[in-house]
Every structure is written in C-alpha cells, then in structure tokens.
Protein backbone atom coordinates (compact mmCIF):
# COMPACT_ATOMS: atom_id res chain seq x y z
CA MET A 1 64.37 26.19 -1.33
CA TYR A 2 65.35 22.61 -2.06
CA SER A 3 66.80 20.26 0.54
CA THR A 4 68.98 17.18 0.13
CA PRO A 5 71.20 15.25 2.53
CA ILE A 6 74.16 17.15 1.09
CA THR A 7 72.59 20.60 1.48
CA ARG A 8 71.54 19.76 5.04
CA ASN A 9 75.01 18.44 5.90
CA ALA A 10 77.34 20.40 3.62
CA ASP A 11 79.78 21.25 6.41
CA SER A 12 80.14 17.61 7.48
CA ALA A 13 80.46 16.44 3.86
CA SER A 14 83.11 19.08 3.16
CA LYS A 15 85.07 18.11 6.28
CA LEU A 16 85.02 14.43 5.25
CA LEU A 17 86.14 15.17 1.71
CA LYS A 18 88.86 17.53 2.93
CA ALA A 19 90.24 14.81 5.23
CA ILE A 20 90.40 12.38 2.30
CA SER A 21 91.56 14.82 -0.37
CA ASN A 22 95.31 14.67 0.25
CA PRO A 23 97.20 12.39 -2.19
CA ASN A 24 99.14 10.69 0.63
CA ARG A 25 95.98 10.08 2.64
CA LEU A 26 94.32 8.62 -0.46
CA MET A 27 97.30 6.28 -0.88
CA ILE A 28 97.10 5.23 2.78
CA LEU A 29 93.35 4.63 2.59
CA SER A 30 93.76 2.72 -0.66
CA GLN A 31 96.32 0.42 0.99
CA LEU A 32 94.02 -0.17 3.95
CA LYS A 33 91.08 -0.90 1.66
CA LEU A 34 93.05 -3.36 -0.47
CA LEU A 35 95.27 -5.00 2.16
CA GLY A 36 93.34 -4.62 5.42
CA ALA A 37 94.86 -3.54 8.73
CA ARG A 38 98.49 -2.41 8.42
CA ASN A 39 101.08 -1.02 10.79
CA ALA A 40 103.18 2.08 10.10
CA THR A 41 106.15 0.10 8.76
CA GLN A 42 103.92 -1.76 6.32
CA LEU A 43 102.26 1.46 5.19
CA LEU A 44 105.58 3.27 4.72
CA ALA A 45 106.89 0.50 2.45
CA ASN A 46 104.46 1.72 -0.23
CA LEU A 47 104.71 5.47 0.36
CA ALA A 48 107.26 8.14 -0.47
CA ILE A 49 106.83 10.06 2.80
CA SER A 50 108.67 10.18 6.11
CA GLN A 51 107.53 8.42 9.27
CA PRO A 52 106.66 11.75 10.95
CA ALA A 53 104.54 12.75 7.92
CA LEU A 54 102.76 9.38 8.05
CA SER A 55 102.07 9.88 11.75
CA GLN A 56 100.48 13.27 11.05
CA HIS A 57 98.26 11.83 8.31
CA LEU A 58 97.20 8.90 10.50
CA LYS A 59 96.45 11.24 13.42
CA LEU A 60 94.24 13.47 11.27
CA MET A 61 92.37 10.54 9.72
CA LYS A 62 91.85 8.97 13.13
CA GLN A 63 90.51 12.26 14.54
CA GLU A 64 88.07 12.47 11.62
CA GLY A 65 86.91 8.89 12.12
CA LEU A 66 88.22 7.66 8.78
CA ILE A 67 90.45 5.07 10.41
CA VAL A 68 90.67 3.17 13.68
CA SER A 69 93.70 1.70 15.40
CA HIS A 70 94.43 -1.23 17.65
CA LYS A 71 97.56 -2.51 19.36
CA LYS A 72 99.00 -5.91 18.52
CA GLY A 73 102.11 -6.50 20.57
CA ALA A 74 104.33 -3.44 20.25
CA ALA A 75 102.82 -2.36 16.92
CA THR A 76 99.76 -0.24 16.25
CA TYR A 77 97.63 -1.40 13.35
CA TYR A 78 95.35 0.89 11.37
CA ALA A 79 92.18 0.00 9.46
CA ILE A 80 89.38 1.86 7.74
CA GLY A 81 86.93 2.86 10.42
CA ASP A 82 83.80 3.76 8.47
CA LYS A 83 82.23 1.93 5.55
CA VAL A 84 81.53 5.27 3.84
CA VAL A 85 85.30 5.58 3.30
CA ASN A 86 85.27 2.30 1.35
CA GLU A 87 82.28 3.53 -0.64
CA ILE A 88 84.02 6.80 -1.51
CA LEU A 89 87.16 4.92 -2.59
CA GLU A 90 85.07 2.56 -4.72
CA ALA A 91 83.35 5.53 -6.36
CA LEU A 92 86.77 7.09 -7.10
CA GLU A 93 88.03 3.81 -8.56
CA MET A 94 84.99 3.59 -10.84
CA TYR A 95 85.39 7.22 -11.90
CA LEU A 96 89.12 6.88 -12.56
CA GLY A 97 88.54 3.64 -14.47
CA ARG A 98 86.20 5.48 -16.83
CA VAL A 99 88.50 8.49 -17.21
CA GLN A 100 91.55 6.40 -18.12
CA HIS A 101 89.84 4.58 -21.02
C-alpha cells in the first residue's frame, strides 16, 4: 500500500476543502486575501448575500481555522488565519487563469 500526506490525512484534507468549497466562502476568502482584514460591512459590500448568511459563513470558517478575528473599536475584523488558505487560493487562481485562456 502506498502512503502520501494526503492518504494519511484524507479526512482533514476533505474537511478543509469542504469548508472552502462554497462559492460565497470563496468570495469572502478572496476578498481577505486581496484586501487584508475586513469587517462585515466591508465584506458585504462585495457580496450578494444577507448579513445573517455572512455571519454563518464567517462562523464556519472561523471554527475550521480558515480565518481569525479581532476587535477594533465596535467592529470585528476578519483575516485569513492560515497560510495554507492563501496557497490554496493561489493554486485556484493559477488553475482558473489557465482554464480561461
């Protein structure tokens, strides 16, 4: 039997990809990658979802360790919490760049 990091950690890899694989979550993560830490109002300005839906997506991504949050005054700011998320987004951007040509 062969063994790779993926075969040894398939459940963890699947959980990570599942957390990222929603179009709205991809849009949120893309904003955070491009623009840095953002609050909910700033994120919503570029999304076609409700504030409660955004809250649910942020909660799930925070639970999965994809994002972190910090308070600044009354606002909560969100940022990518793990460099692997940036690496996955970069891989997707490279893939999509090749597909669209």
